[in-house]
Amino acid sequence: MKHLVTAAALTLGSACFAYDIPALYQGADIKQGEKLIAQHQCTACHQKKVGGDGSAIYKPDGKVNSLGALRGMVEACDQQLNLGLFPEEVNSVSAVINRDHYRFK
């Protein structure tokens, strides 16, 4: 019984730390965004462009300084690589990148 209570407390506790999706990305599907990032091998592409683990691509000086600019960069990748993402998919990918790298409100 003790383990069930602990598991329930951990489950409830983690819900308190859920990612609050910014208004601009409302309706974003985080799981879909994560899947699309993996499917299109975004990390591998970023590693080729900037080296290391690829995360340096997320902090270009002055380029991405807002939620709109971030979504614009995801749209640019979509167009340059001809990925064929729908607008709601761009939002989902943008929301994941914001959650993991920028944390714009």
PDB file of N, CA and C in Angstrom:
ATOM      1  N   MET A   1       0.823  -1.195   0.000  1.00  0.00           N
ATOM      2  CA  MET A   1       0.000   0.000   0.000  1.00  0.00           C
ATOM      3  C   MET A   1       0.869   1.261   0.000  1.00  0.00           C
ATOM      4  N   LYS A   2       1.950   1.235   0.769  1.00  0.00           N
ATOM      5  CA  LYS A   2       2.839   2.387   0.838  1.00  0.00           C
ATOM      6  C   LYS A   2       3.366   2.750  -0.548  1.00  0.00           C
ATOM      7  N   HIS A   3       3.710   1.737  -1.359  1.00  0.00           N
ATOM      8  CA  HIS A   3       4.238   1.982  -2.696  1.00  0.00           C
ATOM      9  C   HIS A   3       3.184   2.618  -3.602  1.00  0.00           C
ATOM     10  N   LEU A   4       1.934   2.215  -3.448  1.00  0.00           N
ATOM     11  CA  LEU A   4       0.861   2.795  -4.256  1.00  0.00           C
ATOM     12  C   LEU A   4       0.677   4.264  -3.920  1.00  0.00           C
ATOM     13  N   VAL A   5       0.735   4.606  -2.652  1.00  0.00           N
ATOM     14  CA  VAL A   5       0.580   6.005  -2.240  1.00  0.00           C
ATOM     15  C   VAL A   5       1.746   6.828  -2.767  1.00  0.00           C
ATOM     16  N   THR A   6       2.946   6.293  -2.654  1.00  0.00           N
ATOM     17  CA  THR A   6       4.126   7.003  -3.154  1.00  0.00           C
ATOM     18  C   THR A   6       4.035   7.207  -4.660  1.00  0.00           C
ATOM     19  N   ALA A   7       3.646   6.168  -5.393  1.00  0.00           N
ATOM     20  CA  ALA A   7       3.510   6.277  -6.848  1.00  0.00           C
ATOM     21  C   ALA A   7       2.452   7.309  -7.209  1.00  0.00           C
ATOM     22  N   ALA A   8       1.346   7.308  -6.482  1.00  0.00           N
ATOM     23  CA  ALA A   8       0.295   8.289  -6.752  1.00  0.00           C
ATOM     24  C   ALA A   8       0.781   9.695  -6.454  1.00  0.00           C
ATOM     25  N   ALA A   9       1.516   9.853  -5.366  1.00  0.00           N
ATOM     26  CA  ALA A   9       2.040  11.180  -5.015  1.00  0.00           C
ATOM     27  C   ALA A   9       3.023  11.671  -6.065  1.00  0.00           C
ATOM     28  N   LEU A  10       3.876  10.767  -6.548  1.00  0.00           N
ATOM     29  CA  LEU A  10       4.816  11.160  -7.597  1.00  0.00           C
ATOM     30  C   LEU A  10       4.093  11.538  -8.868  1.00  0.00           C
ATOM     31  N   THR A  11       3.070  10.791  -9.229  1.00  0.00           N
ATOM     32  CA  THR A  11       2.296  11.090 -10.429  1.00  0.00           C
ATOM     33  C   THR A  11       1.620  12.447 -10.297  1.00  0.00           C
ATOM     34  N   LEU A  12       0.995  12.695  -9.159  1.00  0.00           N
ATOM     35  CA  LEU A  12       0.335  13.983  -8.947  1.00  0.00           C
ATOM     36  C   LEU A  12       1.352  15.101  -8.879  1.00  0.00           C
ATOM     37  N   GLY A  13       2.486  14.837  -8.246  1.00  0.00           N
ATOM     38  CA  GLY A  13       3.528  15.855  -8.123  1.00  0.00           C
ATOM     39  C   GLY A  13       4.085  16.269  -9.466  1.00  0.00           C
ATOM     40  N   SER A  14       4.274  15.322 -10.374  1.00  0.00           N
ATOM     41  CA  SER A  14       4.834  15.666 -11.680  1.00  0.00           C
ATOM     42  C   SER A  14       3.861  16.497 -12.496  1.00  0.00           C
ATOM     43  N   ALA A  15       2.569  16.346 -12.248  1.00  0.00           N
ATOM     44  CA  ALA A  15       1.580  17.144 -12.979  1.00  0.00           C
ATOM     45  C   ALA A  15       1.724  18.619 -12.643  1.00  0.00           C
ATOM     46  N   CYS A  16       2.231  18.921 -11.452  1.00  0.00           N
ATOM     47  CA  CYS A  16       2.419  20.311 -11.041  1.00  0.00           C
ATOM     48  C   CYS A  16       3.506  20.988 -11.859  1.00  0.00           C
ATOM     49  N   PHE A  17       4.408  20.204 -12.437  1.00  0.00           N
ATOM     50  CA  PHE A  17       5.516  20.755 -13.185  1.00  0.00           C
ATOM     51  C   PHE A  17       5.291  20.650 -14.686  1.00  0.00           C
ATOM     52  N   ALA A  18       4.070  20.463 -15.101  1.00  0.00           N
ATOM     53  CA  ALA A  18       3.753  20.338 -16.523  1.00  0.00           C
ATOM     54  C   ALA A  18       4.134  21.621 -17.249  1.00  0.00           C
ATOM     55  N   TYR A  19       4.486  21.463 -18.495  1.00  0.00           N
ATOM     56  CA  TYR A  19       4.868  22.599 -19.333  1.00  0.00           C
ATOM     57  C   TYR A  19       3.634  23.404 -19.674  1.00  0.00           C
ATOM     58  N   ASP A  20       3.661  24.683 -19.372  1.00  0.00           N
ATOM     59  CA  ASP A  20       2.570  25.585 -19.740  1.00  0.00           C
ATOM     60  C   ASP A  20       2.826  26.074 -21.158  1.00  0.00           C
ATOM     61  N   ILE A  21       2.021  25.624 -22.074  1.00  0.00           N
ATOM     62  CA  ILE A  21       2.192  26.014 -23.474  1.00  0.00           C
ATOM     63  C   ILE A  21       1.803  27.483 -23.624  1.00  0.00           C
ATOM     64  N   PRO A  22       2.701  28.306 -24.186  1.00  0.00           N
ATOM     65  CA  PRO A  22       2.380  29.723 -24.383  1.00  0.00           C
ATOM     66  C   PRO A  22       1.161  29.898 -25.293  1.00  0.00           C
ATOM     67  N   ALA A  23       0.472  30.997 -25.121  1.00  0.00           N
ATOM     68  CA  ALA A  23      -0.762  31.264 -25.872  1.00  0.00           C
ATOM     69  C   ALA A  23      -0.558  31.138 -27.382  1.00  0.00           C
ATOM     70  N   LEU A  24       0.575  31.610 -27.886  1.00  0.00           N
ATOM     71  CA  LEU A  24       0.824  31.553 -29.334  1.00  0.00           C
ATOM     72  C   LEU A  24       0.821  30.113 -29.852  1.00  0.00           C
ATOM     73  N   TYR A  25       1.180  29.166 -28.989  1.00  0.00           N
ATOM     74  CA  TYR A  25       1.252  27.763 -29.383  1.00  0.00           C
ATOM     75  C   TYR A  25       0.091  26.943 -28.841  1.00  0.00           C
ATOM     76  N   GLN A  26      -0.973  27.580 -28.396  1.00  0.00           N
ATOM     77  CA  GLN A  26      -2.110  26.838 -27.855  1.00  0.00           C
ATOM     78  C   GLN A  26      -2.592  25.819 -28.886  1.00  0.00           C
ATOM     79  N   GLY A  27      -2.936  24.651 -28.378  1.00  0.00           N
ATOM     80  CA  GLY A  27      -3.358  23.566 -29.256  1.00  0.00           C
ATOM     81  C   GLY A  27      -2.195  22.693 -29.701  1.00  0.00           C
ATOM     82  N   ALA A  28      -0.965  23.091 -29.348  1.00  0.00           N
ATOM     83  CA  ALA A  28       0.199  22.299 -29.737  1.00  0.00           C
ATOM     84  C   ALA A  28       0.146  20.934 -29.068  1.00  0.00           C
ATOM     85  N   ASP A  29       0.523  19.929 -29.819  1.00  0.00           N
ATOM     86  CA  ASP A  29       0.575  18.552 -29.327  1.00  0.00           C
ATOM     87  C   ASP A  29       2.046  18.228 -29.057  1.00  0.00           C
ATOM     88  N   ILE A  30       2.423  18.242 -27.777  1.00  0.00           N
ATOM     89  CA  ILE A  30       3.816  18.050 -27.389  1.00  0.00           C
ATOM     90  C   ILE A  30       4.341  16.690 -27.848  1.00  0.00           C
ATOM     91  N   LYS A  31       3.565  15.652 -27.665  1.00  0.00           N
ATOM     92  CA  LYS A  31       4.006  14.307 -28.075  1.00  0.00           C
ATOM     93  C   LYS A  31       4.240  14.259 -29.587  1.00  0.00           C
ATOM     94  N   GLN A  32       3.347  14.901 -30.346  1.00  0.00           N
ATOM     95  CA  GLN A  32       3.512  14.946 -31.797  1.00  0.00           C
ATOM     96  C   GLN A  32       4.783  15.717 -32.159  1.00  0.00           C
ATOM     97  N   GLY A  33       5.025  16.830 -31.479  1.00  0.00           N
ATOM     98  CA  GLY A  33       6.229  17.617 -31.733  1.00  0.00           C
ATOM     99  C   GLY A  33       7.494  16.818 -31.475  1.00  0.00           C
ATOM    100  N   GLU A  34       7.519  16.079 -30.370  1.00  0.00           N
ATOM    101  CA  GLU A  34       8.672  15.232 -30.059  1.00  0.00           C
ATOM    102  C   GLU A  34       8.862  14.163 -31.135  1.00  0.00           C
ATOM    103  N   LYS A  35       7.760  13.576 -31.571  1.00  0.00           N
ATOM    104  CA  LYS A  35       7.818  12.539 -32.609  1.00  0.00           C
ATOM    105  C   LYS A  35       8.343  13.114 -33.925  1.00  0.00           C
ATOM    106  N   LEU A  36       7.873  14.294 -34.308  1.00  0.00           N
ATOM    107  CA  LEU A  36       8.313  14.918 -35.553  1.00  0.00           C
ATOM    108  C   LEU A  36       9.794  15.278 -35.513  1.00  0.00           C
ATOM    109  N   ILE A  37      10.260  15.762 -34.361  1.00  0.00           N
ATOM    110  CA  ILE A  37      11.685  16.095 -34.216  1.00  0.00           C
ATOM    111  C   ILE A  37      12.532  14.846 -34.407  1.00  0.00           C
ATOM    112  N   ALA A  38      12.095  13.739 -33.824  1.00  0.00           N
ATOM    113  CA  ALA A  38      12.827  12.471 -33.983  1.00  0.00           C
ATOM    114  C   ALA A  38      12.717  11.954 -35.418  1.00  0.00           C
ATOM    115  N   GLN A  39      11.521  11.986 -35.972  1.00  0.00           N
ATOM    116  CA  GLN A  39      11.272  11.466 -37.319  1.00  0.00           C
ATOM    117  C   GLN A  39      12.109  12.189 -38.373  1.00  0.00           C
ATOM    118  N   HIS A  40      12.211  13.511 -38.245  1.00  0.00           N
ATOM    119  CA  HIS A  40      12.936  14.305 -39.240  1.00  0.00           C
ATOM    120  C   HIS A  40      14.403  14.503 -38.882  1.00  0.00           C
ATOM    121  N   GLN A  41      14.840  13.842 -37.808  1.00  0.00           N
ATOM    122  CA  GLN A  41      16.241  13.841 -37.393  1.00  0.00           C
ATOM    123  C   GLN A  41      16.810  15.243 -37.253  1.00  0.00           C
ATOM    124  N   CYS A  42      16.042  16.094 -36.587  1.00  0.00           N
ATOM    125  CA  CYS A  42      16.451  17.490 -36.399  1.00  0.00           C
ATOM    126  C   CYS A  42      17.777  17.602 -35.657  1.00  0.00           C
ATOM    127  N   THR A  43      17.964  16.791 -34.625  1.00  0.00           N
ATOM    128  CA  THR A  43      19.192  16.862 -33.837  1.00  0.00           C
ATOM    129  C   THR A  43      20.404  16.527 -34.693  1.00  0.00           C
ATOM    130  N   ALA A  44      20.320  15.503 -35.518  1.00  0.00           N
ATOM    131  CA  ALA A  44      21.441  15.120 -36.381  1.00  0.00           C
ATOM    132  C   ALA A  44      21.775  16.242 -37.362  1.00  0.00           C
ATOM    133  N   CYS A  45      20.769  16.881 -37.909  1.00  0.00           N
ATOM    134  CA  CYS A  45      20.982  18.002 -38.832  1.00  0.00           C
ATOM    135  C   CYS A  45      21.668  19.157 -38.107  1.00  0.00           C
ATOM    136  N   HIS A  46      21.198  19.457 -36.894  1.00  0.00           N
ATOM    137  CA  HIS A  46      21.786  20.555 -36.122  1.00  0.00           C
ATOM    138  C   HIS A  46      23.231  20.240 -35.747  1.00  0.00           C
ATOM    139  N   GLN A  47      23.523  18.984 -35.445  1.00  0.00           N
ATOM    140  CA  GLN A  47      24.895  18.577 -35.138  1.00  0.00           C
ATOM    141  C   GLN A  47      25.803  18.816 -36.338  1.00  0.00           C
ATOM    142  N   LYS A  48      25.316  18.523 -37.528  1.00  0.00           N
ATOM    143  CA  LYS A  48      26.110  18.752 -38.745  1.00  0.00           C
ATOM    144  C   LYS A  48      26.366  20.239 -38.960  1.00  0.00           C
ATOM    145  N   LYS A  49      25.378  21.071 -38.633  1.00  0.00           N
ATOM    146  CA  LYS A  49      25.498  22.510 -38.870  1.00  0.00           C
ATOM    147  C   LYS A  49      26.400  23.218 -37.866  1.00  0.00           C
ATOM    148  N   VAL A  50      26.275  22.849 -36.569  1.00  0.00           N
ATOM    149  CA  VAL A  50      26.991  23.600 -35.529  1.00  0.00           C
ATOM    150  C   VAL A  50      27.947  22.750 -34.702  1.00  0.00           C
ATOM    151  N   GLY A  51      27.966  21.436 -34.936  1.00  0.00           N
ATOM    152  CA  GLY A  51      28.848  20.561 -34.186  1.00  0.00           C
ATOM    153  C   GLY A  51      28.325  20.242 -32.795  1.00  0.00           C
ATOM    154  N   GLY A  52      29.114  19.515 -32.057  1.00  0.00           N
ATOM    155  CA  GLY A  52      28.751  19.126 -30.697  1.00  0.00           C
ATOM    156  C   GLY A  52      27.434  18.370 -30.668  1.00  0.00           C
ATOM    157  N   ASP A  53      26.632  18.671 -29.659  1.00  0.00           N
ATOM    158  CA  ASP A  53      25.333  17.999 -29.540  1.00  0.00           C
ATOM    159  C   ASP A  53      24.245  18.695 -30.360  1.00  0.00           C
ATOM    160  N   GLY A  54      24.605  19.760 -31.064  1.00  0.00           N
ATOM    161  CA  GLY A  54      23.657  20.479 -31.919  1.00  0.00           C
ATOM    162  C   GLY A  54      22.858  21.550 -31.217  1.00  0.00           C
ATOM    163  N   SER A  55      22.952  21.620 -29.900  1.00  0.00           N
ATOM    164  CA  SER A  55      22.110  22.572 -29.157  1.00  0.00           C
ATOM    165  C   SER A  55      22.527  24.024 -29.360  1.00  0.00           C
ATOM    166  N   ALA A  56      23.750  24.272 -29.814  1.00  0.00           N
ATOM    167  CA  ALA A  56      24.191  25.657 -30.050  1.00  0.00           C
ATOM    168  C   ALA A  56      23.326  26.354 -31.096  1.00  0.00           C
ATOM    169  N   ILE A  57      22.664  25.596 -31.929  1.00  0.00           N
ATOM    170  CA  ILE A  57      21.808  26.181 -32.966  1.00  0.00           C
ATOM    171  C   ILE A  57      20.630  26.938 -32.360  1.00  0.00           C
ATOM    172  N   TYR A  58      20.281  26.599 -31.116  1.00  0.00           N
ATOM    173  CA  TYR A  58      19.122  27.215 -30.494  1.00  0.00           C
ATOM    174  C   TYR A  58      19.398  28.581 -29.896  1.00  0.00           C
ATOM    175  N   LYS A  59      20.632  29.017 -29.880  1.00  0.00           N
ATOM    176  CA  LYS A  59      20.946  30.313 -29.281  1.00  0.00           C
ATOM    177  C   LYS A  59      21.725  31.224 -30.234  1.00  0.00           C
ATOM    178  N   PRO A  60      21.299  31.312 -31.492  1.00  0.00           N
ATOM    179  CA  PRO A  60      22.029  32.226 -32.388  1.00  0.00           C
ATOM    180  C   PRO A  60      21.823  33.663 -31.929  1.00  0.00           C
ATOM    181  N   ASP A  61      22.882  34.438 -31.911  1.00  0.00           N
ATOM    182  CA  ASP A  61      22.824  35.812 -31.415  1.00  0.00           C
ATOM    183  C   ASP A  61      21.742  36.626 -32.106  1.00  0.00           C
ATOM    184  N   GLY A  62      20.738  37.011 -31.332  1.00  0.00           N
ATOM    185  CA  GLY A  62      19.711  37.923 -31.801  1.00  0.00           C
ATOM    186  C   GLY A  62      18.683  37.365 -32.761  1.00  0.00           C
ATOM    187  N   LYS A  63      18.850  36.156 -33.273  1.00  0.00           N
ATOM    188  CA  LYS A  63      17.907  35.642 -34.264  1.00  0.00           C
ATOM    189  C   LYS A  63      16.589  35.208 -33.653  1.00  0.00           C
ATOM    190  N   VAL A  64      16.650  34.463 -32.582  1.00  0.00           N
ATOM    191  CA  VAL A  64      15.434  33.925 -31.977  1.00  0.00           C
ATOM    192  C   VAL A  64      15.277  34.558 -30.594  1.00  0.00           C
ATOM    193  N   ASN A  65      14.389  35.557 -30.529  1.00  0.00           N
ATOM    194  CA  ASN A  65      14.209  36.276 -29.272  1.00  0.00           C
ATOM    195  C   ASN A  65      12.742  36.387 -28.868  1.00  0.00           C
ATOM    196  N   SER A  66      11.900  35.577 -29.511  1.00  0.00           N
ATOM    197  CA  SER A  66      10.475  35.596 -29.179  1.00  0.00           C
ATOM    198  C   SER A  66       9.834  34.297 -29.667  1.00  0.00           C
ATOM    199  N   LEU A  67       8.630  34.065 -29.195  1.00  0.00           N
ATOM    200  CA  LEU A  67       7.877  32.879 -29.642  1.00  0.00           C
ATOM    201  C   LEU A  67       7.647  32.905 -31.145  1.00  0.00           C
ATOM    202  N   GLY A  68       7.328  34.083 -31.679  1.00  0.00           N
ATOM    203  CA  GLY A  68       7.083  34.213 -33.116  1.00  0.00           C
ATOM    204  C   GLY A  68       8.333  33.950 -33.936  1.00  0.00           C
ATOM    205  N   ALA A  69       9.472  34.450 -33.464  1.00  0.00           N
ATOM    206  CA  ALA A  69      10.733  34.213 -34.174  1.00  0.00           C
ATOM    207  C   ALA A  69      11.101  32.735 -34.139  1.00  0.00           C
ATOM    208  N   LEU A  70      10.824  32.084 -33.021  1.00  0.00           N
ATOM    209  CA  LEU A  70      11.095  30.650 -32.927  1.00  0.00           C
ATOM    210  C   LEU A  70      10.246  29.876 -33.924  1.00  0.00           C
ATOM    211  N   ARG A  71       8.965  30.189 -33.977  1.00  0.00           N
ATOM    212  CA  ARG A  71       8.092  29.507 -34.935  1.00  0.00           C
ATOM    213  C   ARG A  71       8.559  29.801 -36.364  1.00  0.00           C
ATOM    214  N   GLY A  72       9.010  31.018 -36.611  1.00  0.00           N
ATOM    215  CA  GLY A  72       9.533  31.372 -37.930  1.00  0.00           C
ATOM    216  C   GLY A  72      10.748  30.544 -38.317  1.00  0.00           C
ATOM    217  N   MET A  73      11.617  30.251 -37.349  1.00  0.00           N
ATOM    218  CA  MET A  73      12.793  29.422 -37.633  1.00  0.00           C
ATOM    219  C   MET A  73      12.382  27.976 -37.931  1.00  0.00           C
ATOM    220  N   VAL A  74      11.388  27.483 -37.200  1.00  0.00           N
ATOM    221  CA  VAL A  74      10.893  26.124 -37.487  1.00  0.00           C
ATOM    222  C   VAL A  74      10.266  26.095 -38.882  1.00  0.00           C
ATOM    223  N   GLU A  75       9.529  27.136 -39.237  1.00  0.00           N
ATOM    224  CA  GLU A  75       8.948  27.219 -40.586  1.00  0.00           C
ATOM    225  C   GLU A  75      10.046  27.267 -41.642  1.00  0.00           C
ATOM    226  N   ALA A  76      11.141  27.980 -41.354  1.00  0.00           N
ATOM    227  CA  ALA A  76      12.257  28.059 -42.307  1.00  0.00           C
ATOM    228  C   ALA A  76      12.890  26.687 -42.514  1.00  0.00           C
ATOM    229  N   CYS A  77      13.096  25.941 -41.437  1.00  0.00           N
ATOM    230  CA  CYS A  77      13.629  24.576 -41.576  1.00  0.00           C
ATOM    231  C   CYS A  77      12.675  23.719 -42.404  1.00  0.00           C
ATOM    232  N   ASP A  78      11.387  23.836 -42.109  1.00  0.00           N
ATOM    233  CA  ASP A  78      10.377  23.076 -42.844  1.00  0.00           C
ATOM    234  C   ASP A  78      10.468  23.360 -44.343  1.00  0.00           C
ATOM    235  N   GLN A  79      10.574  24.629 -44.700  1.00  0.00           N
ATOM    236  CA  GLN A  79      10.626  25.009 -46.115  1.00  0.00           C
ATOM    237  C   GLN A  79      11.950  24.613 -46.767  1.00  0.00           C
ATOM    238  N   GLN A  80      13.067  24.881 -46.078  1.00  0.00           N
ATOM    239  CA  GLN A  80      14.383  24.568 -46.645  1.00  0.00           C
ATOM    240  C   GLN A  80      14.561  23.075 -46.892  1.00  0.00           C
ATOM    241  N   LEU A  81      14.019  22.265 -45.993  1.00  0.00           N
ATOM    242  CA  LEU A  81      14.195  20.821 -46.092  1.00  0.00           C
ATOM    243  C   LEU A  81      13.009  20.122 -46.740  1.00  0.00           C
ATOM    244  N   ASN A  82      12.004  20.922 -47.128  1.00  0.00           N
ATOM    245  CA  ASN A  82      10.818  20.387 -47.794  1.00  0.00           C
ATOM    246  C   ASN A  82      10.171  19.259 -46.970  1.00  0.00           C
ATOM    247  N   LEU A  83       9.968  19.533 -45.678  1.00  0.00           N
ATOM    248  CA  LEU A  83       9.404  18.521 -44.784  1.00  0.00           C
ATOM    249  C   LEU A  83       7.901  18.358 -44.944  1.00  0.00           C
ATOM    250  N   GLY A  84       7.229  19.409 -45.397  1.00  0.00           N
ATOM    251  CA  GLY A  84       5.782  19.327 -45.599  1.00  0.00           C
ATOM    252  C   GLY A  84       4.973  19.348 -44.318  1.00  0.00           C
ATOM    253  N   LEU A  85       5.471  20.076 -43.300  1.00  0.00           N
ATOM    254  CA  LEU A  85       4.734  20.155 -42.042  1.00  0.00           C
ATOM    255  C   LEU A  85       3.493  21.032 -42.187  1.00  0.00           C
ATOM    256  N   PHE A  86       2.433  20.630 -41.537  1.00  0.00           N
ATOM    257  CA  PHE A  86       1.231  21.454 -41.456  1.00  0.00           C
ATOM    258  C   PHE A  86       1.445  22.512 -40.380  1.00  0.00           C
ATOM    259  N   PRO A  87       0.711  23.628 -40.438  1.00  0.00           N
ATOM    260  CA  PRO A  87       0.886  24.688 -39.434  1.00  0.00           C
ATOM    261  C   PRO A  87       0.764  24.194 -37.994  1.00  0.00           C
ATOM    262  N   GLU A  88      -0.161  23.273 -37.735  1.00  0.00           N
ATOM    263  CA  GLU A  88      -0.298  22.761 -36.367  1.00  0.00           C
ATOM    264  C   GLU A  88       0.914  21.908 -35.967  1.00  0.00           C
ATOM    265  N   GLU A  89       1.572  21.287 -36.941  1.00  0.00           N
ATOM    266  CA  GLU A  89       2.786  20.522 -36.654  1.00  0.00           C
ATOM    267  C   GLU A  89       3.961  21.462 -36.361  1.00  0.00           C
ATOM    268  N   VAL A  90       4.030  22.566 -37.094  1.00  0.00           N
ATOM    269  CA  VAL A  90       5.050  23.581 -36.818  1.00  0.00           C
ATOM    270  C   VAL A  90       4.865  24.100 -35.393  1.00  0.00           C
ATOM    271  N   ASN A  91       3.627  24.335 -35.000  1.00  0.00           N
ATOM    272  CA  ASN A  91       3.345  24.788 -33.635  1.00  0.00           C
ATOM    273  C   ASN A  91       3.799  23.748 -32.612  1.00  0.00           C
ATOM    274  N   SER A  92       3.533  22.487 -32.885  1.00  0.00           N
ATOM    275  CA  SER A  92       3.905  21.418 -31.956  1.00  0.00           C
ATOM    276  C   SER A  92       5.419  21.315 -31.811  1.00  0.00           C
ATOM    277  N   VAL A  93       6.132  21.371 -32.915  1.00  0.00           N
ATOM    278  CA  VAL A  93       7.594  21.329 -32.874  1.00  0.00           C
ATOM    279  C   VAL A  93       8.124  22.563 -32.146  1.00  0.00           C
ATOM    280  N   SER A  94       7.569  23.722 -32.451  1.00  0.00           N
ATOM    281  CA  SER A  94       7.996  24.969 -31.798  1.00  0.00           C
ATOM    282  C   SER A  94       7.783  24.908 -30.298  1.00  0.00           C
ATOM    283  N   ALA A  95       6.671  24.357 -29.882  1.00  0.00           N
ATOM    284  CA  ALA A  95       6.372  24.251 -28.450  1.00  0.00           C
ATOM    285  C   ALA A  95       7.389  23.355 -27.744  1.00  0.00           C
ATOM    286  N   VAL A  96       7.797  22.270 -28.376  1.00  0.00           N
ATOM    287  CA  VAL A  96       8.792  21.380 -27.781  1.00  0.00           C
ATOM    288  C   VAL A  96      10.140  22.086 -27.684  1.00  0.00           C
ATOM    289  N   ILE A  97      10.539  22.758 -28.735  1.00  0.00           N
ATOM    290  CA  ILE A  97      11.827  23.470 -28.723  1.00  0.00           C
ATOM    291  C   ILE A  97      11.803  24.569 -27.664  1.00  0.00           C
ATOM    292  N   ASN A  98      10.683  25.269 -27.561  1.00  0.00           N
ATOM    293  CA  ASN A  98      10.572  26.300 -26.533  1.00  0.00           C
ATOM    294  C   ASN A  98      10.692  25.685 -25.140  1.00  0.00           C
ATOM    295  N   ARG A  99      10.004  24.577 -24.928  1.00  0.00           N
ATOM    296  CA  ARG A  99      10.050  23.895 -23.631  1.00  0.00           C
ATOM    297  C   ARG A  99      11.471  23.470 -23.277  1.00  0.00           C
ATOM    298  N   ASP A 100      12.188  22.933 -24.266  1.00  0.00           N
ATOM    299  CA  ASP A 100      13.492  22.338 -23.998  1.00  0.00           C
ATOM    300  C   ASP A 100      14.656  23.322 -24.054  1.00  0.00           C
ATOM    301  N   HIS A 101      14.510  24.449 -24.784  1.00  0.00           N
ATOM    302  CA  HIS A 101      15.675  25.317 -25.003  1.00  0.00           C
ATOM    303  C   HIS A 101      15.456  26.793 -24.683  1.00  0.00           C
ATOM    304  N   TYR A 102      14.283  27.337 -24.925  1.00  0.00           N
ATOM    305  CA  TYR A 102      14.108  28.789 -24.777  1.00  0.00           C
ATOM    306  C   TYR A 102      13.315  29.195 -23.541  1.00  0.00           C
ATOM    307  N   ARG A 103      12.198  28.567 -23.331  1.00  0.00           N
ATOM    308  CA  ARG A 103      11.303  28.873 -22.215  1.00  0.00           C
ATOM    309  C   ARG A 103      10.727  30.295 -22.269  1.00  0.00           C
ATOM    310  N   PHE A 104      10.399  30.745 -23.484  1.00  0.00           N
ATOM    311  CA  PHE A 104       9.686  32.015 -23.619  1.00  0.00           C
ATOM    312  C   PHE A 104       8.300  31.851 -23.031  1.00  0.00           C
ATOM    313  N   LYS A 105       7.756  32.921 -22.473  1.00  0.00           N
ATOM    314  CA  LYS A 105       6.416  32.888 -21.880  1.00  0.00           C
ATOM    315  C   LYS A 105       5.392  33.372 -22.883  1.00  0.00           C
TER     316      LYS A 105
END
